[in-house]
Amino acid sequence: MLLRYRLALYMLCRLYDILVQKMGEGERRMTNREYMAKQLSDTDWIDDGGASYLSMVEYNINCPYFVGDERCHCRSMEKEPTRRECGQCKLEWLEAEVDE
C-alpha cells in the first residue's frame, strides 16, 4: 500500500514538472478542465508511456454502463473487477460512438 502512495506521489510530482515546462513562466495557469481535456484527447500529451492517461481514465471516469448492459466487461463476473479490467472497459467506452 505504501508503495502505491509513493508511486502516486512520484507521478504527481512528475506531472507538475511537465506542466510547468509546457506552460512556461508568465503564462496563464491551466485550469483543471483544460488539463483533463488535453489529457483525454492525446494519450502522449505527457510523455510517460501513457500512465497519466490511464490514471486519468481509471480515477476520474465512473462506470459508464448500467447493470446488465451487454457492453460492460464485468456483467458476467462473480467477483469485483480489477482496476485494469474497469480501465479497459472505460477506454473502450471512450472510443465508442455516442448512444442515441
Protein backbone atom coordinates (compact mmCIF):
# COMPACT_ATOMS: atom_id res chain seq x y z
CA MET A 1 0.00 0.00 0.00
CA LEU A 2 2.84 2.38 0.88
CA LEU A 3 4.47 1.66 -2.48
CA ARG A 4 1.24 2.66 -4.25
CA TYR A 5 1.17 6.01 -2.42
CA ARG A 6 4.83 6.66 -3.18
CA LEU A 7 4.23 5.89 -6.85
CA ALA A 8 1.20 8.20 -6.91
CA LEU A 9 3.22 10.98 -5.25
CA TYR A 10 6.06 10.49 -7.72
CA MET A 11 3.60 10.66 -10.65
CA LEU A 12 2.03 13.86 -9.30
CA CYS A 13 5.44 15.49 -8.91
CA ARG A 14 6.43 14.38 -12.41
CA LEU A 15 3.18 15.71 -13.88
CA TYR A 16 3.67 19.01 -12.11
CA ASP A 17 7.20 19.36 -13.52
CA ILE A 18 5.95 18.57 -17.03
CA LEU A 19 3.06 21.01 -16.77
CA VAL A 20 5.38 23.77 -15.57
CA GLN A 21 7.65 23.12 -18.56
CA LYS A 22 4.71 23.15 -21.00
CA MET A 23 3.19 26.34 -19.60
CA GLY A 24 6.37 28.34 -19.30
CA GLU A 25 6.75 31.27 -16.96
CA GLY A 26 4.45 34.27 -17.15
CA GLU A 27 1.69 32.43 -18.99
CA ARG A 28 -1.82 31.90 -17.72
CA ARG A 29 -2.21 28.87 -15.45
CA MET A 30 -4.01 25.88 -16.92
CA THR A 31 -7.42 25.04 -15.46
CA ASN A 32 -8.39 21.53 -14.38
CA ARG A 33 -10.93 21.42 -17.23
CA GLU A 34 -8.22 22.21 -19.80
CA TYR A 35 -5.86 19.68 -18.25
CA MET A 36 -8.46 16.89 -18.34
CA ALA A 37 -9.50 17.74 -21.92
CA LYS A 38 -5.90 17.72 -23.17
CA GLN A 39 -5.02 14.60 -21.23
CA LEU A 40 -8.01 12.66 -22.60
CA SER A 41 -7.55 13.91 -26.16
CA ASP A 42 -3.96 12.69 -26.51
CA THR A 43 -2.50 9.65 -24.75
CA ASP A 44 1.02 11.00 -25.25
CA TRP A 45 0.33 14.59 -24.17
CA ILE A 46 2.56 13.85 -21.19
CA ASP A 47 5.49 11.67 -22.12
CA ASP A 48 5.20 8.93 -19.51
CA GLY A 49 4.23 5.94 -21.62
CA GLY A 50 0.50 6.58 -21.21
CA ALA A 51 0.49 6.14 -17.42
CA SER A 52 -1.06 9.55 -16.69
CA TYR A 53 -3.68 8.98 -19.40
CA LEU A 54 -4.67 5.62 -17.90
CA SER A 55 -4.80 7.04 -14.38
CA MET A 56 -6.98 9.92 -15.64
CA VAL A 57 -9.41 7.39 -17.12
CA GLU A 58 -9.35 4.98 -14.17
CA TYR A 59 -9.74 7.54 -11.39
CA ASN A 60 -11.88 10.27 -12.98
CA ILE A 61 -14.44 8.39 -15.08
CA ASN A 62 -17.14 6.37 -13.35
CA CYS A 63 -18.53 3.19 -14.86
CA PRO A 64 -20.47 4.32 -17.94
CA TYR A 65 -22.82 1.30 -18.01
CA PHE A 66 -25.91 0.21 -16.12
CA VAL A 67 -26.29 -3.22 -14.57
CA GLY A 68 -26.84 -5.85 -17.25
CA ASP A 69 -25.53 -3.78 -20.18
CA GLU A 70 -24.03 -6.15 -22.76
CA ARG A 71 -21.01 -3.89 -23.35
CA CYS A 72 -19.93 -3.91 -19.70
CA HIS A 73 -16.91 -6.15 -19.07
CA CYS A 74 -17.93 -7.11 -15.54
CA ARG A 75 -21.54 -8.09 -16.32
CA SER A 76 -20.85 -11.82 -16.00
CA MET A 77 -18.18 -11.70 -13.30
CA GLU A 78 -18.95 -13.18 -9.94
CA LYS A 79 -16.23 -11.15 -8.25
CA GLU A 80 -15.37 -7.47 -8.25
CA PRO A 81 -13.45 -6.49 -11.41
CA THR A 82 -9.86 -5.31 -11.13
CA ARG A 83 -8.83 -1.73 -11.79
CA ARG A 84 -7.24 -2.85 -15.06
CA GLU A 85 -10.46 -4.54 -16.23
CA CYS A 86 -12.50 -1.43 -15.38
CA GLY A 87 -9.93 0.79 -17.07
CA GLN A 88 -10.03 -1.27 -20.28
CA CYS A 89 -13.83 -1.12 -20.29
CA LYS A 90 -13.75 2.67 -19.83
CA LEU A 91 -11.19 3.05 -22.64
CA GLU A 92 -13.46 1.11 -25.00
CA TRP A 93 -16.38 3.31 -23.94
CA LEU A 94 -14.36 6.47 -24.69
CA GLU A 95 -13.64 5.21 -28.22
CA ALA A 96 -17.22 4.06 -28.90
CA GLU A 97 -19.82 6.13 -30.73
CA VAL A 98 -22.25 8.14 -28.63
CA ASP A 99 -25.50 6.34 -27.75
CA GLU A 100 -28.62 7.88 -29.21
